[in-house]
Amino acid sequence: MTTVETARLTLRPFTLDDIPAYAQVRDEASVRHWLRSTPGEPAALIAERTIRHFVDEWEKRGYGPWAVIDRADGSLLGHHGLRRMPEFDGETEVLYSLAERARGRGLAVEAGRAALAWGFGTLGLDRIMAIALPDNRASRGVMERLGLTWRRDAVFKTFDVVYYALDRADWRPA
């Protein structure tokens, strides 16, 4: 399993030891809103289920979402990375969610550039896609700064989403 360092972040696979810190992130109101957590579901339960899924992705596919660690203080800021999306014909999604304290500093784009380099360069993927709720302007801004472009409106589970993508032929390493 791969760990990647950027200027300000360490991106590493999650471990079960991350559950308490990740539960704090998942319990933030804005994270619950954008990730559409079930009202009343305990953040610790969401965090454990999510981390187990992320760990499973790494074991099955050799890639998955990373824990985003602030290199300055070692705190867990959220998740970022790649995952296979069976709901979208097995394409690979770049996905991310950061704690409120980490937003507005360009960290999602910094981690996203590392994820794209890993996906296109190391894994040899032909396309990386991303989805967001249509009114999530911040997430759409991250996608656009990473070079992904809007391709269509779609449905994920029961939610209307926007689908963005970047093909390897159009990717320019940062």
N, C-alpha and C. Protein backbone atom coordinates (compact mmCIF):
# COMPACT_ATOMS: atom_id res chain seq x y z
N MET A 1 0.85 -1.17 0.00
CA MET A 1 0.00 0.00 0.00
C MET A 1 0.89 1.23 0.00
N THR A 2 0.44 2.22 -0.72
CA THR A 2 1.28 3.37 -1.00
C THR A 2 0.96 4.58 -0.15
N THR A 3 2.01 5.21 0.35
CA THR A 3 1.92 6.49 1.03
C THR A 3 2.57 7.52 0.14
N VAL A 4 1.93 8.68 0.02
CA VAL A 4 2.42 9.76 -0.83
C VAL A 4 2.54 11.01 0.04
N GLU A 5 3.60 11.75 -0.16
CA GLU A 5 3.74 13.02 0.54
C GLU A 5 3.68 14.17 -0.45
N THR A 6 2.97 15.20 -0.07
CA THR A 6 2.93 16.45 -0.83
C THR A 6 3.59 17.51 0.04
N ALA A 7 3.56 18.73 -0.39
CA ALA A 7 4.21 19.80 0.38
C ALA A 7 3.68 19.88 1.81
N ARG A 8 2.37 19.70 1.99
CA ARG A 8 1.78 19.90 3.32
C ARG A 8 1.07 18.68 3.88
N LEU A 9 0.99 17.61 3.10
CA LEU A 9 0.18 16.47 3.49
C LEU A 9 0.92 15.14 3.38
N THR A 10 0.52 14.21 4.21
CA THR A 10 0.86 12.80 4.04
C THR A 10 -0.44 12.10 3.68
N LEU A 11 -0.44 11.38 2.59
CA LEU A 11 -1.61 10.62 2.13
C LEU A 11 -1.25 9.16 2.29
N ARG A 12 -1.97 8.47 3.18
CA ARG A 12 -1.65 7.08 3.47
C ARG A 12 -2.93 6.28 3.61
N PRO A 13 -2.84 4.98 3.39
CA PRO A 13 -4.03 4.15 3.60
C PRO A 13 -4.51 4.25 5.05
N PHE A 14 -5.81 4.19 5.22
CA PHE A 14 -6.41 4.21 6.55
C PHE A 14 -6.07 2.94 7.31
N THR A 15 -6.09 3.04 8.63
CA THR A 15 -6.05 1.89 9.51
C THR A 15 -7.24 2.01 10.47
N LEU A 16 -7.55 0.92 11.13
CA LEU A 16 -8.66 0.96 12.09
C LEU A 16 -8.37 1.91 13.25
N ASP A 17 -7.11 2.20 13.50
CA ASP A 17 -6.76 3.17 14.54
C ASP A 17 -7.23 4.59 14.20
N ASP A 18 -7.55 4.84 12.94
CA ASP A 18 -8.02 6.16 12.51
C ASP A 18 -9.49 6.41 12.82
N ILE A 19 -10.21 5.40 13.26
CA ILE A 19 -11.66 5.54 13.44
C ILE A 19 -12.04 6.72 14.34
N PRO A 20 -11.46 6.88 15.53
CA PRO A 20 -11.89 8.01 16.38
C PRO A 20 -11.69 9.38 15.73
N ALA A 21 -10.53 9.60 15.13
CA ALA A 21 -10.27 10.90 14.50
C ALA A 21 -11.15 11.11 13.28
N TYR A 22 -11.36 10.05 12.51
CA TYR A 22 -12.21 10.17 11.32
C TYR A 22 -13.67 10.37 11.74
N ALA A 23 -14.09 9.79 12.85
CA ALA A 23 -15.46 10.00 13.34
C ALA A 23 -15.69 11.47 13.67
N GLN A 24 -14.67 12.14 14.20
CA GLN A 24 -14.82 13.58 14.48
C GLN A 24 -15.05 14.36 13.19
N VAL A 25 -14.31 14.01 12.15
CA VAL A 25 -14.50 14.68 10.85
C VAL A 25 -15.90 14.39 10.32
N ARG A 26 -16.29 13.12 10.34
CA ARG A 26 -17.59 12.73 9.79
C ARG A 26 -18.77 13.31 10.57
N ASP A 27 -18.52 13.74 11.81
CA ASP A 27 -19.58 14.28 12.64
C ASP A 27 -19.79 15.78 12.42
N GLU A 28 -18.92 16.42 11.66
CA GLU A 28 -19.10 17.85 11.38
C GLU A 28 -20.34 18.05 10.51
N ALA A 29 -21.09 19.08 10.79
CA ALA A 29 -22.37 19.31 10.11
C ALA A 29 -22.20 19.40 8.59
N SER A 30 -21.19 20.11 8.13
CA SER A 30 -21.04 20.26 6.67
C SER A 30 -20.62 18.95 6.01
N VAL A 31 -19.83 18.15 6.71
CA VAL A 31 -19.44 16.85 6.15
C VAL A 31 -20.68 15.96 6.06
N ARG A 32 -21.48 15.93 7.10
CA ARG A 32 -22.72 15.15 7.08
C ARG A 32 -23.63 15.62 5.95
N HIS A 33 -23.69 16.93 5.77
CA HIS A 33 -24.58 17.47 4.73
C HIS A 33 -24.15 17.01 3.33
N TRP A 34 -22.88 17.21 3.00
CA TRP A 34 -22.43 16.91 1.63
C TRP A 34 -22.30 15.42 1.37
N LEU A 35 -21.99 14.63 2.39
CA LEU A 35 -21.88 13.19 2.20
C LEU A 35 -23.20 12.47 2.47
N ARG A 36 -24.22 13.22 2.80
CA ARG A 36 -25.58 12.71 2.98
C ARG A 36 -25.65 11.55 3.96
N SER A 37 -25.11 11.78 5.14
CA SER A 37 -25.20 10.78 6.20
C SER A 37 -26.64 10.65 6.67
N THR A 38 -26.98 9.47 7.11
CA THR A 38 -28.32 9.22 7.63
C THR A 38 -28.50 10.02 8.93
N PRO A 39 -29.54 10.82 9.02
CA PRO A 39 -29.75 11.59 10.26
C PRO A 39 -29.81 10.67 11.48
N GLY A 40 -29.08 11.05 12.51
CA GLY A 40 -29.08 10.29 13.75
C GLY A 40 -28.11 9.13 13.79
N GLU A 41 -27.53 8.74 12.65
CA GLU A 41 -26.58 7.63 12.66
C GLU A 41 -25.28 8.09 13.33
N PRO A 42 -24.79 7.36 14.31
CA PRO A 42 -23.59 7.78 15.02
C PRO A 42 -22.38 7.90 14.09
N ALA A 43 -21.63 8.99 14.27
CA ALA A 43 -20.44 9.22 13.44
C ALA A 43 -19.43 8.09 13.59
N ALA A 44 -19.31 7.52 14.78
CA ALA A 44 -18.35 6.43 14.98
C ALA A 44 -18.71 5.22 14.12
N LEU A 45 -19.99 4.94 13.98
CA LEU A 45 -20.44 3.83 13.15
C LEU A 45 -20.15 4.12 11.67
N ILE A 46 -20.44 5.34 11.24
CA ILE A 46 -20.15 5.74 9.86
C ILE A 46 -18.65 5.64 9.59
N ALA A 47 -17.85 6.14 10.53
CA ALA A 47 -16.40 6.13 10.35
C ALA A 47 -15.87 4.71 10.26
N GLU A 48 -16.33 3.83 11.14
CA GLU A 48 -15.85 2.45 11.10
C GLU A 48 -16.24 1.77 9.79
N ARG A 49 -17.49 1.90 9.38
CA ARG A 49 -17.94 1.28 8.14
C ARG A 49 -17.17 1.82 6.94
N THR A 50 -16.96 3.13 6.90
CA THR A 50 -16.26 3.75 5.78
C THR A 50 -14.80 3.32 5.74
N ILE A 51 -14.14 3.35 6.87
CA ILE A 51 -12.73 2.96 6.90
C ILE A 51 -12.56 1.49 6.52
N ARG A 52 -13.44 0.64 7.01
CA ARG A 52 -13.36 -0.78 6.62
C ARG A 52 -13.52 -0.93 5.10
N HIS A 53 -14.41 -0.14 4.51
CA HIS A 53 -14.58 -0.17 3.05
C HIS A 53 -13.31 0.32 2.35
N PHE A 54 -12.73 1.41 2.84
CA PHE A 54 -11.51 1.94 2.23
C PHE A 54 -10.36 0.93 2.34
N VAL A 55 -10.21 0.29 3.50
CA VAL A 55 -9.17 -0.73 3.68
C VAL A 55 -9.40 -1.89 2.71
N ASP A 56 -10.64 -2.29 2.57
CA ASP A 56 -11.00 -3.37 1.64
C ASP A 56 -10.64 -3.00 0.20
N GLU A 57 -10.89 -1.75 -0.18
CA GLU A 57 -10.54 -1.30 -1.54
C GLU A 57 -9.04 -1.45 -1.78
N TRP A 58 -8.22 -1.04 -0.82
CA TRP A 58 -6.77 -1.19 -0.98
C TRP A 58 -6.38 -2.65 -1.12
N GLU A 59 -6.99 -3.51 -0.32
CA GLU A 59 -6.65 -4.93 -0.37
C GLU A 59 -7.08 -5.57 -1.68
N LYS A 60 -8.25 -5.22 -2.18
CA LYS A 60 -8.78 -5.81 -3.42
C LYS A 60 -8.11 -5.27 -4.67
N ARG A 61 -7.90 -3.96 -4.71
CA ARG A 61 -7.50 -3.31 -5.96
C ARG A 61 -6.10 -2.72 -5.98
N GLY A 62 -5.49 -2.61 -4.82
CA GLY A 62 -4.18 -1.99 -4.77
C GLY A 62 -4.25 -0.47 -4.77
N TYR A 63 -5.44 0.07 -4.64
CA TYR A 63 -5.62 1.51 -4.46
C TYR A 63 -6.95 1.75 -3.78
N GLY A 64 -7.06 2.94 -3.22
CA GLY A 64 -8.27 3.33 -2.51
C GLY A 64 -8.09 4.70 -1.93
N PRO A 65 -9.08 5.18 -1.21
CA PRO A 65 -8.95 6.49 -0.57
C PRO A 65 -7.89 6.47 0.53
N TRP A 66 -7.17 7.58 0.60
CA TRP A 66 -6.15 7.77 1.63
C TRP A 66 -6.71 8.54 2.81
N ALA A 67 -6.10 8.33 3.96
CA ALA A 67 -6.27 9.25 5.09
C ALA A 67 -5.39 10.46 4.77
N VAL A 68 -5.95 11.65 4.94
CA VAL A 68 -5.22 12.89 4.70
C VAL A 68 -4.69 13.38 6.04
N ILE A 69 -3.37 13.43 6.16
CA ILE A 69 -2.71 13.80 7.40
C ILE A 69 -1.97 15.12 7.21
N ASP A 70 -2.20 16.05 8.10
CA ASP A 70 -1.50 17.34 8.09
C ASP A 70 -0.07 17.10 8.55
N ARG A 71 0.90 17.38 7.69
CA ARG A 71 2.30 17.14 8.04
C ARG A 71 2.77 18.05 9.16
N ALA A 72 2.12 19.21 9.34
CA ALA A 72 2.55 20.15 10.37
C ALA A 72 2.27 19.64 11.78
N ASP A 73 1.11 19.00 11.97
CA ASP A 73 0.75 18.58 13.33
C ASP A 73 0.32 17.12 13.45
N GLY A 74 0.31 16.39 12.35
CA GLY A 74 -0.03 14.97 12.38
C GLY A 74 -1.51 14.66 12.50
N SER A 75 -2.36 15.68 12.41
CA SER A 75 -3.80 15.43 12.57
C SER A 75 -4.43 14.90 11.29
N LEU A 76 -5.45 14.08 11.48
CA LEU A 76 -6.20 13.54 10.35
C LEU A 76 -7.21 14.59 9.91
N LEU A 77 -7.18 14.94 8.63
CA LEU A 77 -8.03 16.00 8.09
C LEU A 77 -9.22 15.48 7.30
N GLY A 78 -9.23 14.20 6.93
CA GLY A 78 -10.32 13.66 6.13
C GLY A 78 -9.82 12.57 5.22
N HIS A 79 -10.49 12.43 4.06
CA HIS A 79 -10.07 11.41 3.09
C HIS A 79 -9.93 12.03 1.71
N HIS A 80 -9.11 11.41 0.89
CA HIS A 80 -8.90 11.82 -0.49
C HIS A 80 -8.28 10.63 -1.20
N GLY A 81 -8.57 10.47 -2.46
CA GLY A 81 -7.94 9.40 -3.21
C GLY A 81 -8.84 8.85 -4.28
N LEU A 82 -8.63 7.59 -4.59
CA LEU A 82 -9.31 6.94 -5.70
C LEU A 82 -10.11 5.73 -5.24
N ARG A 83 -11.21 5.49 -5.90
CA ARG A 83 -11.96 4.25 -5.66
C ARG A 83 -12.71 3.87 -6.93
N ARG A 84 -12.87 2.58 -7.09
CA ARG A 84 -13.62 2.04 -8.23
C ARG A 84 -15.10 2.24 -7.96
N MET A 85 -15.84 2.63 -9.00
CA MET A 85 -17.27 2.93 -8.88
C MET A 85 -18.09 1.96 -9.73
N PRO A 86 -18.57 0.85 -9.16
CA PRO A 86 -19.40 -0.07 -9.93
C PRO A 86 -20.65 0.61 -10.50
N GLU A 87 -21.14 1.62 -9.79
CA GLU A 87 -22.35 2.33 -10.24
C GLU A 87 -22.10 3.12 -11.52
N PHE A 88 -20.86 3.33 -11.87
CA PHE A 88 -20.50 4.05 -13.09
C PHE A 88 -19.60 3.17 -13.96
N ASP A 89 -20.10 1.98 -14.25
CA ASP A 89 -19.42 1.03 -15.13
C ASP A 89 -17.99 0.73 -14.73
N GLY A 90 -17.72 0.76 -13.43
CA GLY A 90 -16.39 0.40 -12.94
C GLY A 90 -15.34 1.47 -13.12
N GLU A 91 -15.75 2.69 -13.46
CA GLU A 91 -14.78 3.77 -13.58
C GLU A 91 -14.17 4.06 -12.22
N THR A 92 -13.08 4.81 -12.21
CA THR A 92 -12.43 5.19 -10.97
C THR A 92 -12.72 6.64 -10.67
N GLU A 93 -13.16 6.86 -9.44
CA GLU A 93 -13.52 8.20 -8.96
C GLU A 93 -12.40 8.77 -8.11
N VAL A 94 -12.13 10.06 -8.26
CA VAL A 94 -11.34 10.78 -7.28
C VAL A 94 -12.35 11.36 -6.30
N LEU A 95 -12.20 11.03 -5.02
CA LEU A 95 -13.17 11.47 -4.02
C LEU A 95 -12.46 12.10 -2.85
N TYR A 96 -13.14 13.00 -2.18
CA TYR A 96 -12.51 13.73 -1.09
C TYR A 96 -13.55 14.34 -0.18
N SER A 97 -13.16 14.46 1.06
CA SER A 97 -13.92 15.20 2.05
C SER A 97 -12.95 15.59 3.14
N LEU A 98 -12.90 16.87 3.43
CA LEU A 98 -11.97 17.37 4.43
C LEU A 98 -12.73 18.06 5.56
N ALA A 99 -12.13 18.04 6.74
CA ALA A 99 -12.68 18.74 7.89
C ALA A 99 -12.79 20.23 7.60
N GLU A 100 -13.71 20.85 8.28
CA GLU A 100 -13.93 22.29 8.07
C GLU A 100 -12.64 23.09 8.28
N ARG A 101 -11.83 22.72 9.27
CA ARG A 101 -10.61 23.46 9.57
C ARG A 101 -9.57 23.37 8.44
N ALA A 102 -9.74 22.43 7.52
CA ALA A 102 -8.78 22.22 6.44
C ALA A 102 -9.20 22.90 5.14
N ARG A 103 -10.38 23.44 5.11
CA ARG A 103 -10.90 23.99 3.86
C ARG A 103 -10.38 25.40 3.59
N GLY A 104 -10.40 25.75 2.31
CA GLY A 104 -10.02 27.09 1.91
C GLY A 104 -8.52 27.31 1.86
N ARG A 105 -7.75 26.24 1.93
CA ARG A 105 -6.29 26.34 1.93
C ARG A 105 -5.66 25.65 0.73
N GLY A 106 -6.48 25.14 -0.18
CA GLY A 106 -5.96 24.47 -1.36
C GLY A 106 -5.51 23.04 -1.12
N LEU A 107 -5.85 22.47 0.04
CA LEU A 107 -5.39 21.12 0.36
C LEU A 107 -6.09 20.05 -0.48
N ALA A 108 -7.36 20.25 -0.81
CA ALA A 108 -8.07 19.27 -1.64
C ALA A 108 -7.45 19.21 -3.03
N VAL A 109 -7.05 20.34 -3.55
CA VAL A 109 -6.40 20.36 -4.88
C VAL A 109 -5.00 19.75 -4.78
N GLU A 110 -4.28 20.07 -3.73
CA GLU A 110 -2.94 19.51 -3.54
C GLU A 110 -3.00 17.98 -3.49
N ALA A 111 -3.91 17.46 -2.69
CA ALA A 111 -4.07 16.00 -2.60
C ALA A 111 -4.60 15.44 -3.91
N GLY A 112 -5.49 16.18 -4.55
CA GLY A 112 -6.06 15.72 -5.83
C GLY A 112 -5.02 15.57 -6.92
N ARG A 113 -4.07 16.48 -6.96
CA ARG A 113 -3.00 16.35 -7.96
C ARG A 113 -2.20 15.08 -7.72
N ALA A 114 -1.96 14.77 -6.45
CA ALA A 114 -1.25 13.52 -6.13
C ALA A 114 -2.07 12.30 -6.53
N ALA A 115 -3.38 12.36 -6.29
CA ALA A 115 -4.26 11.24 -6.65
C ALA A 115 -4.30 11.05 -8.17
N LEU A 116 -4.38 12.13 -8.92
CA LEU A 116 -4.39 12.02 -10.39
C LEU A 116 -3.06 11.45 -10.89
N ALA A 117 -1.95 11.92 -10.33
CA ALA A 117 -0.64 11.41 -10.74
C ALA A 117 -0.54 9.91 -10.44
N TRP A 118 -1.05 9.50 -9.29
CA TRP A 118 -1.05 8.08 -8.92
C TRP A 118 -1.92 7.30 -9.90
N GLY A 119 -3.11 7.81 -10.18
CA GLY A 119 -4.05 7.10 -11.04
C GLY A 119 -3.60 7.00 -12.49
N PHE A 120 -3.19 8.12 -13.05
CA PHE A 120 -2.78 8.11 -14.45
C PHE A 120 -1.36 7.57 -14.63
N GLY A 121 -0.45 8.00 -13.75
CA GLY A 121 0.94 7.61 -13.90
C GLY A 121 1.24 6.20 -13.43
N THR A 122 0.89 5.89 -12.21
CA THR A 122 1.24 4.60 -11.62
C THR A 122 0.27 3.50 -12.03
N LEU A 123 -1.03 3.80 -11.91
CA LEU A 123 -2.04 2.78 -12.21
C LEU A 123 -2.37 2.67 -13.70
N GLY A 124 -2.04 3.69 -14.48
CA GLY A 124 -2.30 3.65 -15.91
C GLY A 124 -3.78 3.74 -16.28
N LEU A 125 -4.56 4.40 -15.44
CA LEU A 125 -5.99 4.55 -15.74
C LEU A 125 -6.20 5.42 -16.97
N ASP A 126 -7.24 5.14 -17.72
CA ASP A 126 -7.56 5.93 -18.90
C ASP A 126 -8.43 7.14 -18.58
N ARG A 127 -9.24 7.03 -17.53
CA ARG A 127 -10.13 8.12 -17.14
C ARG A 127 -10.30 8.11 -15.63
N ILE A 128 -10.39 9.29 -15.07
CA ILE A 128 -10.74 9.46 -13.66
C ILE A 128 -11.93 10.42 -13.64
N MET A 129 -12.96 10.00 -12.90
CA MET A 129 -14.17 10.80 -12.83
C MET A 129 -14.41 11.25 -11.40
N ALA A 130 -15.37 12.15 -11.24
CA ALA A 130 -15.78 12.60 -9.91
C ALA A 130 -17.25 12.99 -9.98
N ILE A 131 -17.92 12.86 -8.86
CA ILE A 131 -19.31 13.29 -8.79
C ILE A 131 -19.48 14.19 -7.57
N ALA A 132 -20.50 15.03 -7.64
CA ALA A 132 -20.84 15.90 -6.52
C ALA A 132 -22.30 16.26 -6.63
N LEU A 133 -22.86 16.65 -5.51
CA LEU A 133 -24.21 17.20 -5.55
C LEU A 133 -24.15 18.50 -6.35
N PRO A 134 -25.15 18.77 -7.16
CA PRO A 134 -25.09 19.93 -8.05
C PRO A 134 -24.80 21.26 -7.36
N ASP A 135 -25.28 21.45 -6.14
CA ASP A 135 -25.08 22.73 -5.46
C ASP A 135 -23.82 22.78 -4.62
N ASN A 136 -22.97 21.76 -4.69
CA ASN A 136 -21.72 21.77 -3.94
C ASN A 136 -20.66 22.50 -4.77
N ARG A 137 -20.72 23.80 -4.71
CA ARG A 137 -19.83 24.64 -5.52
C ARG A 137 -18.35 24.44 -5.16
N ALA A 138 -18.06 24.23 -3.88
CA ALA A 138 -16.67 24.04 -3.48
C ALA A 138 -16.09 22.78 -4.12
N SER A 139 -16.84 21.69 -4.07
CA SER A 139 -16.37 20.44 -4.67
C SER A 139 -16.21 20.57 -6.18
N ARG A 140 -17.17 21.22 -6.80
CA ARG A 140 -17.06 21.43 -8.24
C ARG A 140 -15.84 22.29 -8.58
N GLY A 141 -15.54 23.25 -7.74
CA GLY A 141 -14.35 24.08 -7.94
C GLY A 141 -13.07 23.27 -7.86
N VAL A 142 -13.01 22.34 -6.90
CA VAL A 142 -11.84 21.45 -6.80
C VAL A 142 -11.71 20.63 -8.07
N MET A 143 -12.81 20.04 -8.53
CA MET A 143 -12.77 19.23 -9.75
C MET A 143 -12.23 20.04 -10.92
N GLU A 144 -12.73 21.26 -11.06
CA GLU A 144 -12.31 22.10 -12.19
C GLU A 144 -10.85 22.51 -12.07
N ARG A 145 -10.39 22.83 -10.86
CA ARG A 145 -8.97 23.18 -10.69
C ARG A 145 -8.07 21.99 -10.98
N LEU A 146 -8.59 20.77 -10.80
CA LEU A 146 -7.82 19.58 -11.13
C LEU A 146 -7.84 19.25 -12.62
N GLY A 147 -8.66 19.96 -13.38
CA GLY A 147 -8.72 19.72 -14.82
C GLY A 147 -9.88 18.85 -15.26
N LEU A 148 -10.70 18.38 -14.34
CA LEU A 148 -11.88 17.60 -14.72
C LEU A 148 -12.91 18.56 -15.31
N THR A 149 -13.68 18.07 -16.26
CA THR A 149 -14.72 18.89 -16.87
C THR A 149 -16.08 18.22 -16.73
N TRP A 150 -17.09 19.06 -16.65
CA TRP A 150 -18.46 18.56 -16.56
C TRP A 150 -18.77 17.79 -17.83
N ARG A 151 -19.33 16.60 -17.67
CA ARG A 151 -19.71 15.77 -18.82
C ARG A 151 -21.22 15.57 -18.89
N ARG A 152 -21.86 15.43 -17.73
CA ARG A 152 -23.31 15.18 -17.74
C ARG A 152 -23.87 15.23 -16.33
N ASP A 153 -25.16 15.30 -16.25
CA ASP A 153 -25.86 15.10 -14.99
C ASP A 153 -26.12 13.61 -14.86
N ALA A 154 -26.14 13.12 -13.63
CA ALA A 154 -26.30 11.68 -13.40
C ALA A 154 -27.07 11.47 -12.10
N VAL A 155 -27.28 10.21 -11.77
CA VAL A 155 -27.88 9.83 -10.50
C VAL A 155 -26.95 8.84 -9.83
N PHE A 156 -26.66 9.07 -8.56
CA PHE A 156 -25.85 8.16 -7.75
C PHE A 156 -26.71 7.76 -6.57
N LYS A 157 -26.98 6.45 -6.49
CA LYS A 157 -27.93 5.94 -5.52
C LYS A 157 -29.25 6.66 -5.76
N THR A 158 -29.71 7.49 -4.86
CA THR A 158 -30.98 8.21 -5.10
C THR A 158 -30.77 9.71 -5.30
N PHE A 159 -29.51 10.12 -5.44
CA PHE A 159 -29.20 11.55 -5.50
C PHE A 159 -28.85 12.01 -6.91
N ASP A 160 -29.37 13.16 -7.29
CA ASP A 160 -28.94 13.81 -8.51
C ASP A 160 -27.53 14.33 -8.27
N VAL A 161 -26.63 14.07 -9.21
CA VAL A 161 -25.24 14.51 -9.10
C VAL A 161 -24.78 15.06 -10.45
N VAL A 162 -23.67 15.77 -10.40
CA VAL A 162 -22.98 16.17 -11.62
C VAL A 162 -21.79 15.24 -11.77
N TYR A 163 -21.52 14.87 -13.01
CA TYR A 163 -20.43 13.93 -13.34
C TYR A 163 -19.38 14.71 -14.10
N TYR A 164 -18.17 14.72 -13.55
CA TYR A 164 -17.01 15.35 -14.18
C TYR A 164 -16.01 14.25 -14.50
N ALA A 165 -15.14 14.49 -15.47
CA ALA A 165 -14.12 13.49 -15.79
C ALA A 165 -12.91 14.15 -16.43
N LEU A 166 -11.81 13.41 -16.37
CA LEU A 166 -10.57 13.79 -17.03
C LEU A 166 -9.98 12.53 -17.64
N ASP A 167 -9.68 12.60 -18.93
CA ASP A 167 -9.05 11.47 -19.62
C ASP A 167 -7.54 11.62 -19.55
N ARG A 168 -6.85 10.49 -19.52
CA ARG A 168 -5.40 10.51 -19.41
C ARG A 168 -4.78 11.35 -20.53
N ALA A 169 -5.33 11.27 -21.73
CA ALA A 169 -4.79 12.03 -22.86
C ALA A 169 -4.84 13.54 -22.61
N ASP A 170 -5.75 14.01 -21.76
CA ASP A 170 -5.90 15.43 -21.48
C ASP A 170 -5.23 15.86 -20.18
N TRP A 171 -4.70 14.91 -19.43
CA TRP A 171 -4.09 15.21 -18.14
C TRP A 171 -2.72 15.83 -18.32
N ARG A 172 -2.46 16.88 -17.57
CA ARG A 172 -1.16 17.52 -17.55
C ARG A 172 -0.64 17.50 -16.13
N PRO A 173 0.44 16.74 -15.86
CA PRO A 173 0.97 16.70 -14.48
C PRO A 173 1.31 18.10 -13.99
N ALA A 174 1.06 18.32 -12.71
CA ALA A 174 1.33 19.64 -12.12
C ALA A 174 2.80 19.86 -11.91
